Amino acid sequence: LGKKKLAQLFTETVNPKEVIRRQKA
């Protein structure tokens, strides 16, 4: 499931606020 989630991080577009949340994480 982790590998699939990593693939989703790169293939799915999310809104700017979510990108900022990811950056901080």
PDB file of all heavy atoms in Angstrom:
ATOM      1  N   LEU A   1       0.830  -1.204   0.000  1.00  0.00           N
ATOM      2  CA  LEU A   1       0.000   0.000   0.000  1.00  0.00           C
ATOM      3  C   LEU A   1       0.866   1.256   0.000  1.00  0.00           C
ATOM      4  O   LEU A   1       0.496   2.277  -0.585  1.00  0.00           O
ATOM      5  CB  LEU A   1      -0.933   0.006   1.219  1.00  0.00           C
ATOM      6  CG  LEU A   1      -1.992  -1.108   1.265  1.00  0.00           C
ATOM      7  CD1 LEU A   1      -2.804  -1.012   2.557  1.00  0.00           C
ATOM      8  CD2 LEU A   1      -2.913  -1.031   0.062  1.00  0.00           C
ATOM      9  N   GLY A   2       2.020   1.196   0.640  1.00  0.00           N
ATOM     10  CA  GLY A   2       2.921   2.346   0.668  1.00  0.00           C
ATOM     11  C   GLY A   2       3.436   2.692  -0.717  1.00  0.00           C
ATOM     12  O   GLY A   2       3.531   3.865  -1.081  1.00  0.00           O
ATOM     13  N   LYS A   3       3.759   1.665  -1.495  1.00  0.00           N
ATOM     14  CA  LYS A   3       4.234   1.897  -2.855  1.00  0.00           C
ATOM     15  C   LYS A   3       3.142   2.547  -3.703  1.00  0.00           C
ATOM     16  O   LYS A   3       3.410   3.464  -4.489  1.00  0.00           O
ATOM     17  CB  LYS A   3       4.674   0.571  -3.482  1.00  0.00           C
ATOM     18  CG  LYS A   3       5.282   0.709  -4.870  1.00  0.00           C
ATOM     19  CD  LYS A   3       5.896  -0.598  -5.361  1.00  0.00           C
ATOM     20  CE  LYS A   3       4.831  -1.614  -5.711  1.00  0.00           C
ATOM     21  NZ  LYS A   3       5.398  -2.789  -6.422  1.00  0.00           N
ATOM     22  N   LYS A   4       1.911   2.087  -3.529  1.00  0.00           N
ATOM     23  CA  LYS A   4       0.798   2.675  -4.277  1.00  0.00           C
ATOM     24  C   LYS A   4       0.565   4.131  -3.873  1.00  0.00           C
ATOM     25  O   LYS A   4       0.281   4.987  -4.719  1.00  0.00           O
ATOM     26  CB  LYS A   4      -0.473   1.850  -4.053  1.00  0.00           C
ATOM     27  CG  LYS A   4      -0.428   0.473  -4.686  1.00  0.00           C
ATOM     28  CD  LYS A   4      -1.709  -0.305  -4.424  1.00  0.00           C
ATOM     29  CE  LYS A   4      -1.652  -1.674  -5.108  1.00  0.00           C
ATOM     30  NZ  LYS A   4      -2.861  -2.472  -4.856  1.00  0.00           N
ATOM     31  N   LYS A   5       0.698   4.399  -2.583  1.00  0.00           N
ATOM     32  CA  LYS A   5       0.508   5.771  -2.103  1.00  0.00           C
ATOM     33  C   LYS A   5       1.594   6.699  -2.642  1.00  0.00           C
ATOM     34  O   LYS A   5       1.332   7.861  -2.981  1.00  0.00           O
ATOM     35  CB  LYS A   5       0.503   5.799  -0.573  1.00  0.00           C
ATOM     36  CG  LYS A   5      -0.732   5.193   0.063  1.00  0.00           C
ATOM     37  CD  LYS A   5      -1.965   6.032  -0.202  1.00  0.00           C
ATOM     38  CE  LYS A   5      -3.185   5.492   0.519  1.00  0.00           C
ATOM     39  NZ  LYS A   5      -4.378   6.345   0.320  1.00  0.00           N
ATOM     40  N   LEU A   6       2.818   6.193  -2.742  1.00  0.00           N
ATOM     41  CA  LEU A   6       3.899   7.006  -3.288  1.00  0.00           C
ATOM     42  C   LEU A   6       3.638   7.322  -4.756  1.00  0.00           C
ATOM     43  O   LEU A   6       3.850   8.449  -5.210  1.00  0.00           O
ATOM     44  CB  LEU A   6       5.236   6.283  -3.132  1.00  0.00           C
ATOM     45  CG  LEU A   6       6.466   7.042  -3.638  1.00  0.00           C
ATOM     46  CD1 LEU A   6       6.638   8.362  -2.880  1.00  0.00           C
ATOM     47  CD2 LEU A   6       7.723   6.182  -3.510  1.00  0.00           C
ATOM     48  N   ALA A   7       3.156   6.323  -5.498  1.00  0.00           N
ATOM     49  CA  ALA A   7       2.806   6.559  -6.902  1.00  0.00           C
ATOM     50  C   ALA A   7       1.712   7.616  -7.016  1.00  0.00           C
ATOM     51  O   ALA A   7       1.754   8.480  -7.901  1.00  0.00           O
ATOM     52  CB  ALA A   7       2.360   5.252  -7.549  1.00  0.00           C
ATOM     53  N   GLN A   8       0.755   7.588  -6.105  1.00  0.00           N
ATOM     54  CA  GLN A   8      -0.332   8.577  -6.134  1.00  0.00           C
ATOM     55  C   GLN A   8       0.176   9.978  -5.843  1.00  0.00           C
ATOM     56  O   GLN A   8      -0.328  10.958  -6.398  1.00  0.00           O
ATOM     57  CB  GLN A   8      -1.408   8.191  -5.107  1.00  0.00           C
ATOM     58  CG  GLN A   8      -2.241   6.981  -5.510  1.00  0.00           C
ATOM     59  CD  GLN A   8      -3.248   6.598  -4.445  1.00  0.00           C
ATOM     60  OE1 GLN A   8      -3.494   7.342  -3.503  1.00  0.00           O
ATOM     61  NE2 GLN A   8      -3.836   5.417  -4.591  1.00  0.00           N
ATOM     62  N   LEU A   9       1.180  10.096  -4.972  1.00  0.00           N
ATOM     63  CA  LEU A   9       1.740  11.411  -4.675  1.00  0.00           C
ATOM     64  C   LEU A   9       2.238  12.109  -5.935  1.00  0.00           C
ATOM     65  O   LEU A   9       2.155  13.332  -6.056  1.00  0.00           O
ATOM     66  CB  LEU A   9       2.905  11.283  -3.683  1.00  0.00           C
ATOM     67  CG  LEU A   9       2.572  11.057  -2.207  1.00  0.00           C
ATOM     68  CD1 LEU A   9       3.852  10.961  -1.398  1.00  0.00           C
ATOM     69  CD2 LEU A   9       1.687  12.165  -1.648  1.00  0.00           C
ATOM     70  N   PHE A  10       2.745  11.304  -6.886  1.00  0.00           N
ATOM     71  CA  PHE A  10       3.326  11.875  -8.102  1.00  0.00           C
ATOM     72  C   PHE A  10       2.345  11.949  -9.262  1.00  0.00           C
ATOM     73  O   PHE A  10       2.600  12.666 -10.231  1.00  0.00           O
ATOM     74  CB  PHE A  10       4.544  11.057  -8.522  1.00  0.00           C
ATOM     75  CG  PHE A  10       5.726  11.246  -7.621  1.00  0.00           C
ATOM     76  CD1 PHE A  10       6.083  10.272  -6.714  1.00  0.00           C
ATOM     77  CD2 PHE A  10       6.470  12.410  -7.670  1.00  0.00           C
ATOM     78  CE1 PHE A  10       7.161  10.445  -5.868  1.00  0.00           C
ATOM     79  CE2 PHE A  10       7.558  12.601  -6.832  1.00  0.00           C
ATOM     80  CZ  PHE A  10       7.907  11.603  -5.924  1.00  0.00           C
ATOM     81  N   THR A  11       1.254  11.221  -9.203  1.00  0.00           N
ATOM     82  CA  THR A  11       0.355  11.159 -10.357  1.00  0.00           C
ATOM     83  C   THR A  11      -0.965  11.890 -10.151  1.00  0.00           C
ATOM     84  O   THR A  11      -1.711  12.067 -11.103  1.00  0.00           O
ATOM     85  CB  THR A  11       0.056   9.697 -10.729  1.00  0.00           C
ATOM     86  OG1 THR A  11      -0.448   8.999  -9.582  1.00  0.00           O
ATOM     87  CG2 THR A  11       1.314   8.995 -11.231  1.00  0.00           C
ATOM     88  N   GLU A  12      -1.254  12.298  -8.926  1.00  0.00           N
ATOM     89  CA  GLU A  12      -2.513  12.996  -8.659  1.00  0.00           C
ATOM     90  C   GLU A  12      -2.248  14.467  -8.331  1.00  0.00           C
ATOM     91  O   GLU A  12      -1.348  14.788  -7.553  1.00  0.00           O
ATOM     92  CB  GLU A  12      -3.260  12.341  -7.493  1.00  0.00           C
ATOM     93  CG  GLU A  12      -3.737  10.928  -7.805  1.00  0.00           C
ATOM     94  CD  GLU A  12      -4.485  10.299  -6.658  1.00  0.00           C
ATOM     95  OE1 GLU A  12      -4.527  10.897  -5.562  1.00  0.00           O
ATOM     96  OE2 GLU A  12      -5.023   9.193  -6.840  1.00  0.00           O
ATOM     97  N   THR A  13      -3.033  15.340  -8.933  1.00  0.00           N
ATOM     98  CA  THR A  13      -2.908  16.771  -8.666  1.00  0.00           C
ATOM     99  C   THR A  13      -3.757  17.150  -7.464  1.00  0.00           C
ATOM    100  O   THR A  13      -4.932  16.782  -7.387  1.00  0.00           O
ATOM    101  CB  THR A  13      -3.359  17.599  -9.886  1.00  0.00           C
ATOM    102  OG1 THR A  13      -2.603  17.186 -11.033  1.00  0.00           O
ATOM    103  CG2 THR A  13      -3.150  19.076  -9.645  1.00  0.00           C
ATOM    104  N   VAL A  14      -3.160  17.860  -6.519  1.00  0.00           N
ATOM    105  CA  VAL A  14      -3.914  18.316  -5.343  1.00  0.00           C
ATOM    106  C   VAL A  14      -3.843  19.837  -5.264  1.00  0.00           C
ATOM    107  O   VAL A  14      -3.032  20.476  -5.946  1.00  0.00           O
ATOM    108  CB  VAL A  14      -3.362  17.686  -4.041  1.00  0.00           C
ATOM    109  CG1 VAL A  14      -3.597  16.184  -4.039  1.00  0.00           C
ATOM    110  CG2 VAL A  14      -1.880  17.984  -3.869  1.00  0.00           C
ATOM    111  N   ASN A  15      -4.676  20.407  -4.428  1.00  0.00           N
ATOM    112  CA  ASN A  15      -4.756  21.873  -4.335  1.00  0.00           C
ATOM    113  C   ASN A  15      -3.523  22.436  -3.609  1.00  0.00           C
ATOM    114  O   ASN A  15      -2.803  21.709  -2.917  1.00  0.00           O
ATOM    115  CB  ASN A  15      -6.055  22.294  -3.632  1.00  0.00           C
ATOM    116  CG  ASN A  15      -6.135  21.768  -2.201  1.00  0.00           C
ATOM    117  OD1 ASN A  15      -5.268  22.037  -1.379  1.00  0.00           O
ATOM    118  ND2 ASN A  15      -7.171  20.994  -1.907  1.00  0.00           N
ATOM    119  N   PRO A  16      -3.278  23.728  -3.769  1.00  0.00           N
ATOM    120  CA  PRO A  16      -2.079  24.348  -3.174  1.00  0.00           C
ATOM    121  C   PRO A  16      -1.948  24.139  -1.668  1.00  0.00           C
ATOM    122  O   PRO A  16      -0.845  23.913  -1.162  1.00  0.00           O
ATOM    123  CB  PRO A  16      -2.259  25.834  -3.512  1.00  0.00           C
ATOM    124  CG  PRO A  16      -3.067  25.828  -4.770  1.00  0.00           C
ATOM    125  CD  PRO A  16      -4.015  24.678  -4.627  1.00  0.00           C
ATOM    126  N   LYS A  17      -3.060  24.202  -0.937  1.00  0.00           N
ATOM    127  CA  LYS A  17      -2.997  24.027   0.513  1.00  0.00           C
ATOM    128  C   LYS A  17      -2.491  22.634   0.884  1.00  0.00           C
ATOM    129  O   LYS A  17      -1.724  22.470   1.843  1.00  0.00           O
ATOM    130  CB  LYS A  17      -4.372  24.285   1.132  1.00  0.00           C
ATOM    131  CG  LYS A  17      -4.808  25.748   1.080  1.00  0.00           C
ATOM    132  CD  LYS A  17      -6.165  25.952   1.738  1.00  0.00           C
ATOM    133  CE  LYS A  17      -6.581  27.429   1.668  1.00  0.00           C
ATOM    134  NZ  LYS A  17      -7.919  27.650   2.277  1.00  0.00           N
ATOM    135  N   GLU A  18      -2.928  21.634   0.122  1.00  0.00           N
ATOM    136  CA  GLU A  18      -2.494  20.262   0.404  1.00  0.00           C
ATOM    137  C   GLU A  18      -1.013  20.092   0.082  1.00  0.00           C
ATOM    138  O   GLU A  18      -0.291  19.379   0.785  1.00  0.00           O
ATOM    139  CB  GLU A  18      -3.334  19.257  -0.392  1.00  0.00           C
ATOM    140  CG  GLU A  18      -3.037  17.799  -0.088  1.00  0.00           C
ATOM    141  CD  GLU A  18      -3.316  17.408   1.359  1.00  0.00           C
ATOM    142  OE1 GLU A  18      -4.105  18.115   2.031  1.00  0.00           O
ATOM    143  OE2 GLU A  18      -2.735  16.413   1.819  1.00  0.00           O
ATOM    144  N   VAL A  19      -0.550  20.743  -0.982  1.00  0.00           N
ATOM    145  CA  VAL A  19       0.880  20.676  -1.308  1.00  0.00           C
ATOM    146  C   VAL A  19       1.708  21.282  -0.172  1.00  0.00           C
ATOM    147  O   VAL A  19       2.745  20.728   0.216  1.00  0.00           O
ATOM    148  CB  VAL A  19       1.175  21.404  -2.635  1.00  0.00           C
ATOM    149  CG1 VAL A  19       2.679  21.514  -2.868  1.00  0.00           C
ATOM    150  CG2 VAL A  19       0.521  20.678  -3.801  1.00  0.00           C
ATOM    151  N   ILE A  20       1.259  22.396   0.372  1.00  0.00           N
ATOM    152  CA  ILE A  20       1.970  23.036   1.485  1.00  0.00           C
ATOM    153  C   ILE A  20       1.993  22.106   2.700  1.00  0.00           C
ATOM    154  O   ILE A  20       3.015  21.985   3.392  1.00  0.00           O
ATOM    155  CB  ILE A  20       1.321  24.388   1.838  1.00  0.00           C
ATOM    156  CG1 ILE A  20       1.524  25.376   0.685  1.00  0.00           C
ATOM    157  CG2 ILE A  20       1.893  24.953   3.132  1.00  0.00           C
ATOM    158  CD1 ILE A  20       0.762  26.681   0.836  1.00  0.00           C
ATOM    159  N   ARG A  21       0.856  21.442   2.955  1.00  0.00           N
ATOM    160  CA  ARG A  21       0.804  20.473   4.067  1.00  0.00           C
ATOM    161  C   ARG A  21       1.795  19.328   3.841  1.00  0.00           C
ATOM    162  O   ARG A  21       2.462  18.871   4.769  1.00  0.00           O
ATOM    163  CB  ARG A  21      -0.623  19.930   4.216  1.00  0.00           C
ATOM    164  CG  ARG A  21      -1.513  20.825   5.065  1.00  0.00           C
ATOM    165  CD  ARG A  21      -2.989  20.569   4.889  1.00  0.00           C
ATOM    166  NE  ARG A  21      -3.391  19.208   4.802  1.00  0.00           N
ATOM    167  CZ  ARG A  21      -3.829  18.442   5.828  1.00  0.00           C
ATOM    168  NH1 ARG A  21      -3.838  18.960   7.051  1.00  0.00           N
ATOM    169  NH2 ARG A  21      -4.229  17.212   5.640  1.00  0.00           N
ATOM    170  N   ARG A  22       1.883  18.876   2.606  1.00  0.00           N
ATOM    171  CA  ARG A  22       2.838  17.809   2.288  1.00  0.00           C
ATOM    172  C   ARG A  22       4.274  18.290   2.495  1.00  0.00           C
ATOM    173  O   ARG A  22       5.119  17.564   3.026  1.00  0.00           O
ATOM    174  CB  ARG A  22       2.644  17.346   0.844  1.00  0.00           C
ATOM    175  CG  ARG A  22       1.400  16.508   0.609  1.00  0.00           C
ATOM    176  CD  ARG A  22       1.281  16.121  -0.862  1.00  0.00           C
ATOM    177  NE  ARG A  22       0.108  15.294  -1.112  1.00  0.00           N
ATOM    178  CZ  ARG A  22      -0.253  14.835  -2.307  1.00  0.00           C
ATOM    179  NH1 ARG A  22       0.482  15.151  -3.375  1.00  0.00           N
ATOM    180  NH2 ARG A  22      -1.332  14.084  -2.452  1.00  0.00           N
ATOM    181  N   GLN A  23       4.555  19.515   2.045  1.00  0.00           N
ATOM    182  CA  GLN A  23       5.903  20.066   2.201  1.00  0.00           C
ATOM    183  C   GLN A  23       6.315  20.093   3.669  1.00  0.00           C
ATOM    184  O   GLN A  23       7.439  19.689   4.018  1.00  0.00           O
ATOM    185  CB  GLN A  23       5.960  21.481   1.629  1.00  0.00           C
ATOM    186  CG  GLN A  23       5.973  21.568   0.114  1.00  0.00           C
ATOM    187  CD  GLN A  23       6.053  23.002  -0.378  1.00  0.00           C
ATOM    188  OE1 GLN A  23       5.704  23.944   0.341  1.00  0.00           O
ATOM    189  NE2 GLN A  23       6.541  23.180  -1.590  1.00  0.00           N
ATOM    190  N   LYS A  24       5.425  20.560   4.520  1.00  0.00           N
ATOM    191  CA  LYS A  24       5.748  20.654   5.950  1.00  0.00           C
ATOM    192  C   LYS A  24       5.935  19.268   6.565  1.00  0.00           C
ATOM    193  O   LYS A  24       6.821  19.079   7.424  1.00  0.00           O
ATOM    194  CB  LYS A  24       4.650  21.427   6.674  1.00  0.00           C
ATOM    195  CG  LYS A  24       4.616  22.904   6.308  1.00  0.00           C
ATOM    196  CD  LYS A  24       3.506  23.646   7.043  1.00  0.00           C
ATOM    197  CE  LYS A  24       3.513  25.140   6.689  1.00  0.00           C
ATOM    198  NZ  LYS A  24       2.407  25.860   7.357  1.00  0.00           N
ATOM    199  N   ALA A  25       5.117  18.313   6.122  1.00  0.00           N
ATOM    200  CA  ALA A  25       5.259  16.939   6.626  1.00  0.00           C
ATOM    201  C   ALA A  25       6.586  16.335   6.177  1.00  0.00           C
ATOM    202  O   ALA A  25       7.300  15.699   6.968  1.00  0.00           O
ATOM    203  CB  ALA A  25       4.093  16.088   6.136  1.00  0.00           C
TER     204      ALA A  25
END
